């Protein structure tokens, strides 16, 4: 009877050992999976940081480009305003010259009439 009980106990110990080995294998697999998941999470975090950095750089570049466009547009507006001012000034100068010439013609006409009147008298 004792031998039978010893044999039963040995069988149970053997089964427990096999079960322990199976559990240990599962624990190691879980640890390996957890380590792989942690590594994947670190890589994902690194990628997210890189994308955020690229977006910040693109945003800064876009802001600089927008600023440059604004400057160019302001310069063009100033150039057109200057051209318009120059044209207006030229027109005013020409008008003034025309008025001066008209005045000279009128003066010449008056002088001619007076001379003509004197000559006739």
Protein backbone atom coordinates (compact mmCIF):
# COMPACT_ATOMS: atom_id res chain seq x y z
CA UNK A 1 0.00 0.00 0.00
CA UNK A 2 2.82 2.34 0.85
CA UNK A 3 4.49 1.60 -2.41
CA UNK A 4 1.26 2.43 -4.20
CA UNK A 5 0.96 5.70 -2.28
CA UNK A 6 4.61 6.53 -3.01
CA UNK A 7 4.03 5.79 -6.68
CA UNK A 8 0.93 8.00 -6.68
CA UNK A 9 2.84 10.79 -4.94
CA UNK A 10 5.72 10.47 -7.43
CA UNK A 11 3.24 10.66 -10.28
CA UNK A 12 1.65 13.79 -8.76
CA UNK A 13 5.09 15.38 -8.24
CA UNK A 14 5.95 14.58 -11.84
CA UNK A 15 2.67 16.05 -13.06
CA UNK A 16 3.22 19.16 -10.90
CA UNK A 17 6.74 19.46 -12.33
CA UNK A 18 5.40 19.23 -15.88
CA UNK A 19 2.68 21.73 -15.02
CA UNK A 20 5.27 24.05 -13.44
CA UNK A 21 7.43 23.78 -16.57
CA UNK A 22 4.40 24.60 -18.71
CA UNK A 23 3.54 27.57 -16.51
CA UNK A 24 7.17 28.73 -16.57
CA UNK A 25 7.17 28.51 -20.37
CA UNK A 26 3.97 30.55 -20.51
CA UNK A 27 5.38 33.13 -18.10
CA UNK A 28 8.52 33.46 -20.23
CA UNK A 29 6.40 33.83 -23.37
CA UNK A 30 4.29 36.50 -21.65
CA UNK A 31 7.41 38.32 -20.49
CA UNK A 32 8.80 38.17 -24.03
CA UNK A 33 5.50 39.51 -25.42
CA UNK A 34 5.45 42.27 -22.82
CA UNK A 35 9.03 43.23 -23.71
CA UNK A 36 8.16 43.24 -27.42
CA UNK A 37 5.07 45.36 -26.71
CA UNK A 38 7.13 47.80 -24.64
CA UNK A 39 9.69 48.07 -27.46
CA UNK A 40 6.91 48.63 -29.99
CA UNK A 41 5.44 51.33 -27.75
CA UNK A 42 8.85 53.05 -27.48
CA UNK A 43 9.25 52.93 -31.27
CA UNK A 44 5.74 54.32 -31.77
CA UNK A 45 6.47 57.12 -29.29
CA UNK A 46 9.71 57.90 -31.14
CA UNK A 47 7.84 58.02 -34.46
CA UNK A 48 5.18 60.31 -32.98
CA UNK A 49 7.89 62.66 -31.68
CA UNK A 50 9.57 62.68 -35.11
CA UNK A 51 6.27 63.48 -36.87
CA UNK A 52 5.59 66.27 -34.35
CA UNK A 53 9.08 67.68 -34.96
CA UNK A 54 8.54 67.58 -38.73
CA UNK A 55 5.17 69.29 -38.38
CA UNK A 56 6.70 72.05 -36.24
CA UNK A 57 9.46 72.53 -38.83
CA UNK A 58 6.90 72.65 -41.67
CA UNK A 59 4.77 75.10 -39.72
CA UNK A 60 7.78 77.35 -39.14
CA UNK A 61 8.73 77.10 -42.82
CA UNK A 62 5.15 77.91 -43.86
CA UNK A 63 5.11 80.91 -41.53
CA UNK A 64 8.40 82.17 -42.98
CA UNK A 65 7.10 81.66 -46.53
CA UNK A 66 3.86 83.47 -45.71
CA UNK A 67 5.86 86.34 -44.23
CA UNK A 68 7.98 86.55 -47.37
CA UNK A 69 4.88 86.56 -49.57
CA UNK A 70 3.44 89.35 -47.46
CA UNK A 71 6.66 91.36 -47.82
CA UNK A 72 6.74 90.83 -51.59
CA UNK A 73 3.11 91.90 -51.90
CA UNK A 74 3.78 95.00 -49.80
CA UNK A 75 6.79 95.88 -51.95
CA UNK A 76 4.78 95.42 -55.14
CA UNK A 77 2.01 97.57 -53.74
CA UNK A 78 4.55 100.25 -52.83
CA UNK A 79 6.10 99.99 -56.31
CA UNK A 80 2.71 100.41 -57.99
CA UNK A 81 1.88 103.29 -55.66
CA UNK A 82 5.20 104.94 -56.56
CA UNK A 83 4.55 104.45 -60.26
CA UNK A 84 1.10 105.91 -59.89
CA UNK A 85 2.49 108.89 -57.97
CA UNK A 86 5.14 109.43 -60.66
CA UNK A 87 2.50 109.30 -63.40
CA UNK A 88 0.28 111.73 -61.51
CA UNK A 89 3.23 114.06 -60.99
CA UNK A 90 4.07 113.92 -64.70
CA UNK A 91 0.46 114.74 -65.56
CA UNK A 92 0.49 117.70 -63.16
CA UNK A 93 3.78 118.98 -64.59
CA UNK A 94 2.42 118.70 -68.15
CA UNK A 95 -0.77 120.51 -67.16
CA UNK A 96 1.27 123.25 -65.54
CA UNK A 97 3.41 123.59 -68.70
CA UNK A 98 0.27 123.74 -70.83
CA UNK A 99 -1.16 126.46 -68.59
CA UNK A 100 2.11 128.36 -68.81
CA UNK A 101 2.12 128.06 -72.61
CA UNK A 102 -1.51 129.20 -72.76
CA UNK A 103 -0.64 132.16 -70.59
CA UNK A 104 2.33 133.00 -72.83
CA UNK A 105 0.15 132.74 -75.95
CA UNK A 106 -2.47 134.97 -74.40
CA UNK A 107 0.21 137.48 -73.42
CA UNK A 108 1.69 137.35 -76.92
CA UNK A 109 -1.76 137.84 -78.41
CA UNK A 110 -2.39 140.87 -76.19
CA UNK A 111 1.01 142.31 -77.07
CA UNK A 112 0.33 141.75 -80.80
CA UNK A 113 -3.05 143.44 -80.59
CA UNK A 114 -1.57 146.43 -78.77
CA UNK A 115 1.25 146.69 -81.29
CA UNK A 116 -1.19 146.33 -84.14
CA UNK A 117 -3.40 149.05 -82.57
CA UNK A 118 -0.39 151.36 -82.14
CA UNK A 119 0.72 150.77 -85.69
CA UNK A 120 -2.73 151.67 -86.97
CA UNK A 121 -2.94 154.85 -84.92
